[in-house]
Amino acid sequence: MGLSRVLVGGRHDELLRQWRQYRGDMERAKVPSKLETVGPIDVEDQGDSRAMVTAQVRPIWWSGQTSLSGTAHLWRFETRRDAGGWRVWAANLPTWCGVHVRADACR
């Protein structure tokens, strides 16, 4: 499933732009091989077809047989339910440069 399908229609362009900027920071510091959640994903019902989804996310880089796992940090997503299911309304992600990786790695 592509990213666009899970974004709220009225905020689609803004959220996609936010992700592309975040991805740009990742590329400046060498994109990880994958992002993985650590532990359970928490879903807190906010009522009125809204939920807050939180997960600890860490990057992992592979180089041949060697891997390096970064520290997990909390990613938060405000979601809302519409006729098509649950969609992301807002994303609160920790800064990539300076949190997930050293700030000087993004130069």
C-alpha atoms as a PDB file:
ATOM      1  CA  MET A   1       0.000   0.000   0.000  1.00  0.00           C
ATOM      2  CA  GLY A   2       1.407   3.392  -0.959  1.00  0.00           C
ATOM      3  CA  LEU A   3       1.763   6.281   1.452  1.00  0.00           C
ATOM      4  CA  SER A   4      -0.854   8.387  -0.358  1.00  0.00           C
ATOM      5  CA  ARG A   5      -3.600   5.892   0.418  1.00  0.00           C
ATOM      6  CA  VAL A   6      -3.272   6.325   4.180  1.00  0.00           C
ATOM      7  CA  LEU A   7      -3.253  10.146   4.259  1.00  0.00           C
ATOM      8  CA  VAL A   8      -6.412  12.185   4.934  1.00  0.00           C
ATOM      9  CA  GLY A   9      -7.527  13.690   1.633  1.00  0.00           C
ATOM     10  CA  GLY A  10      -7.785  17.291   2.844  1.00  0.00           C
ATOM     11  CA  ARG A  11      -4.262  17.185   4.276  1.00  0.00           C
ATOM     12  CA  HIS A  12      -2.713  14.877   1.682  1.00  0.00           C
ATOM     13  CA  ASP A  13      -0.388  17.404   0.019  1.00  0.00           C
ATOM     14  CA  GLU A  14       0.815  18.876   3.313  1.00  0.00           C
ATOM     15  CA  LEU A  15       1.550  15.445   4.829  1.00  0.00           C
ATOM     16  CA  LEU A  16       3.257  14.209   1.668  1.00  0.00           C
ATOM     17  CA  ARG A  17       5.420  17.348   1.616  1.00  0.00           C
ATOM     18  CA  GLN A  18       6.293  16.755   5.308  1.00  0.00           C
ATOM     19  CA  TRP A  19       7.328  13.164   4.542  1.00  0.00           C
ATOM     20  CA  ARG A  20       9.409  14.207   1.524  1.00  0.00           C
ATOM     21  CA  GLN A  21      11.273  16.766   3.648  1.00  0.00           C
ATOM     22  CA  TYR A  22      11.870  14.118   6.305  1.00  0.00           C
ATOM     23  CA  ARG A  23      13.034  11.661   3.667  1.00  0.00           C
ATOM     24  CA  GLY A  24      15.393  14.349   2.324  1.00  0.00           C
ATOM     25  CA  ASP A  25      17.004  14.592   5.759  1.00  0.00           C
ATOM     26  CA  MET A  26      17.355  10.806   5.783  1.00  0.00           C
ATOM     27  CA  GLU A  27      19.050  10.868   2.369  1.00  0.00           C
ATOM     28  CA  ARG A  28      21.560  13.509   3.487  1.00  0.00           C
ATOM     29  CA  ALA A  29      22.639  11.144   6.278  1.00  0.00           C
ATOM     30  CA  LYS A  30      22.503   7.847   4.300  1.00  0.00           C
ATOM     31  CA  VAL A  31      19.048   6.311   4.213  1.00  0.00           C
ATOM     32  CA  PRO A  32      18.724   3.300   6.509  1.00  0.00           C
ATOM     33  CA  SER A  33      18.086  -0.119   4.993  1.00  0.00           C
ATOM     34  CA  LYS A  34      14.832  -0.204   6.937  1.00  0.00           C
ATOM     35  CA  LEU A  35      12.856   1.346   9.758  1.00  0.00           C
ATOM     36  CA  GLU A  36      11.411  -1.017  12.326  1.00  0.00           C
ATOM     37  CA  THR A  37       9.079  -0.697  15.256  1.00  0.00           C
ATOM     38  CA  VAL A  38      10.366  -1.804  18.638  1.00  0.00           C
ATOM     39  CA  GLY A  39       7.763  -3.182  21.021  1.00  0.00           C
ATOM     40  CA  PRO A  40       4.030  -2.798  20.662  1.00  0.00           C
ATOM     41  CA  ILE A  41       2.267  -0.163  18.613  1.00  0.00           C
ATOM     42  CA  ASP A  42      -0.074   1.719  20.937  1.00  0.00           C
ATOM     43  CA  VAL A  43      -3.481   2.833  19.695  1.00  0.00           C
ATOM     44  CA  GLU A  44      -5.374   5.171  22.000  1.00  0.00           C
ATOM     45  CA  ASP A  45      -9.016   5.795  21.109  1.00  0.00           C
ATOM     46  CA  GLN A  46      -9.717   9.533  21.231  1.00  0.00           C
ATOM     47  CA  GLY A  47     -13.446   9.128  20.524  1.00  0.00           C
ATOM     48  CA  ASP A  48     -15.350  10.637  17.608  1.00  0.00           C
ATOM     49  CA  SER A  49     -13.556   8.402  15.047  1.00  0.00           C
ATOM     50  CA  ARG A  50     -10.099   9.580  16.112  1.00  0.00           C
ATOM     51  CA  ALA A  51      -7.132   7.683  17.495  1.00  0.00           C
ATOM     52  CA  MET A  52      -3.542   8.451  18.485  1.00  0.00           C
ATOM     53  CA  VAL A  53      -1.082   5.839  17.252  1.00  0.00           C
ATOM     54  CA  THR A  54       2.384   5.749  18.803  1.00  0.00           C
ATOM     55  CA  ALA A  55       5.326   3.488  18.093  1.00  0.00           C
ATOM     56  CA  GLN A  56       8.993   3.343  18.987  1.00  0.00           C
ATOM     57  CA  VAL A  57      10.846   3.385  15.646  1.00  0.00           C
ATOM     58  CA  ARG A  58      14.521   2.770  14.979  1.00  0.00           C
ATOM     59  CA  PRO A  59      16.620   2.762  11.818  1.00  0.00           C
ATOM     60  CA  ILE A  60      18.717  -0.214  10.763  1.00  0.00           C
ATOM     61  CA  TRP A  61      21.574  -0.061   8.278  1.00  0.00           C
ATOM     62  CA  TRP A  62      22.941  -3.189   6.566  1.00  0.00           C
ATOM     63  CA  SER A  63      26.351  -3.499   4.966  1.00  0.00           C
ATOM     64  CA  GLY A  64      27.008  -7.050   3.834  1.00  0.00           C
ATOM     65  CA  GLN A  65      26.772  -9.275   6.911  1.00  0.00           C
ATOM     66  CA  THR A  66      27.068  -6.339   9.309  1.00  0.00           C
ATOM     67  CA  SER A  67      24.142  -4.351  10.657  1.00  0.00           C
ATOM     68  CA  LEU A  68      23.893  -1.256  12.803  1.00  0.00           C
ATOM     69  CA  SER A  69      20.716  -0.517  14.750  1.00  0.00           C
ATOM     70  CA  GLY A  70      19.946   3.020  15.871  1.00  0.00           C
ATOM     71  CA  THR A  71      18.145   3.982  19.049  1.00  0.00           C
ATOM     72  CA  ALA A  72      14.350   3.814  18.964  1.00  0.00           C
ATOM     73  CA  HIS A  73      12.414   7.078  19.293  1.00  0.00           C
ATOM     74  CA  LEU A  74       8.701   7.758  19.620  1.00  0.00           C
ATOM     75  CA  TRP A  75       6.748   8.455  16.423  1.00  0.00           C
ATOM     76  CA  ARG A  76       3.153   9.724  16.849  1.00  0.00           C
ATOM     77  CA  PHE A  77       0.337   9.723  14.320  1.00  0.00           C
ATOM     78  CA  GLU A  78      -3.070  11.298  14.783  1.00  0.00           C
ATOM     79  CA  THR A  79      -5.533   9.261  12.755  1.00  0.00           C
ATOM     80  CA  ARG A  80      -9.144   9.719  11.757  1.00  0.00           C
ATOM     81  CA  ARG A  81     -11.661   7.296  10.360  1.00  0.00           C
ATOM     82  CA  ASP A  82     -13.511   8.067   7.156  1.00  0.00           C
ATOM     83  CA  ALA A  83     -15.510   5.965   4.675  1.00  0.00           C
ATOM     84  CA  GLY A  84     -12.271   4.376   3.411  1.00  0.00           C
ATOM     85  CA  GLY A  85     -10.934   3.402   6.854  1.00  0.00           C
ATOM     86  CA  TRP A  86      -8.334   4.904   9.180  1.00  0.00           C
ATOM     87  CA  ARG A  87      -6.128   7.644   7.736  1.00  0.00           C
ATOM     88  CA  VAL A  88      -3.237   9.764   9.017  1.00  0.00           C
ATOM     89  CA  TRP A  89      -4.334  13.304   9.928  1.00  0.00           C
ATOM     90  CA  ALA A  90      -1.031  14.450  11.470  1.00  0.00           C
ATOM     91  CA  ALA A  91       2.454  13.036  12.049  1.00  0.00           C
ATOM     92  CA  ASN A  92       4.744  14.061  14.886  1.00  0.00           C
ATOM     93  CA  LEU A  93       8.144  12.541  14.122  1.00  0.00           C
ATOM     94  CA  PRO A  94      11.385  13.235  15.974  1.00  0.00           C
ATOM     95  CA  THR A  95      13.912  15.238  13.999  1.00  0.00           C
ATOM     96  CA  TRP A  96      16.022  12.869  11.891  1.00  0.00           C
ATOM     97  CA  CYS A  97      19.202  14.952  12.029  1.00  0.00           C
ATOM     98  CA  GLY A  98      20.183  15.326  15.661  1.00  0.00           C
ATOM     99  CA  VAL A  99      17.858  12.673  17.102  1.00  0.00           C
ATOM    100  CA  HIS A 100      17.941   9.500  14.996  1.00  0.00           C
ATOM    101  CA  VAL A 101      21.423  10.333  13.667  1.00  0.00           C
ATOM    102  CA  ARG A 102      24.107  12.817  14.707  1.00  0.00           C
ATOM    103  CA  ALA A 103      23.385  16.307  13.405  1.00  0.00           C
ATOM    104  CA  ASP A 104      26.776  16.467  11.669  1.00  0.00           C
ATOM    105  CA  ALA A 105      25.913  13.309   9.693  1.00  0.00           C
ATOM    106  CA  CYS A 106      23.358  15.358   7.731  1.00  0.00           C
ATOM    107  CA  ARG A 107      25.771  17.829   6.205  1.00  0.00           C
END
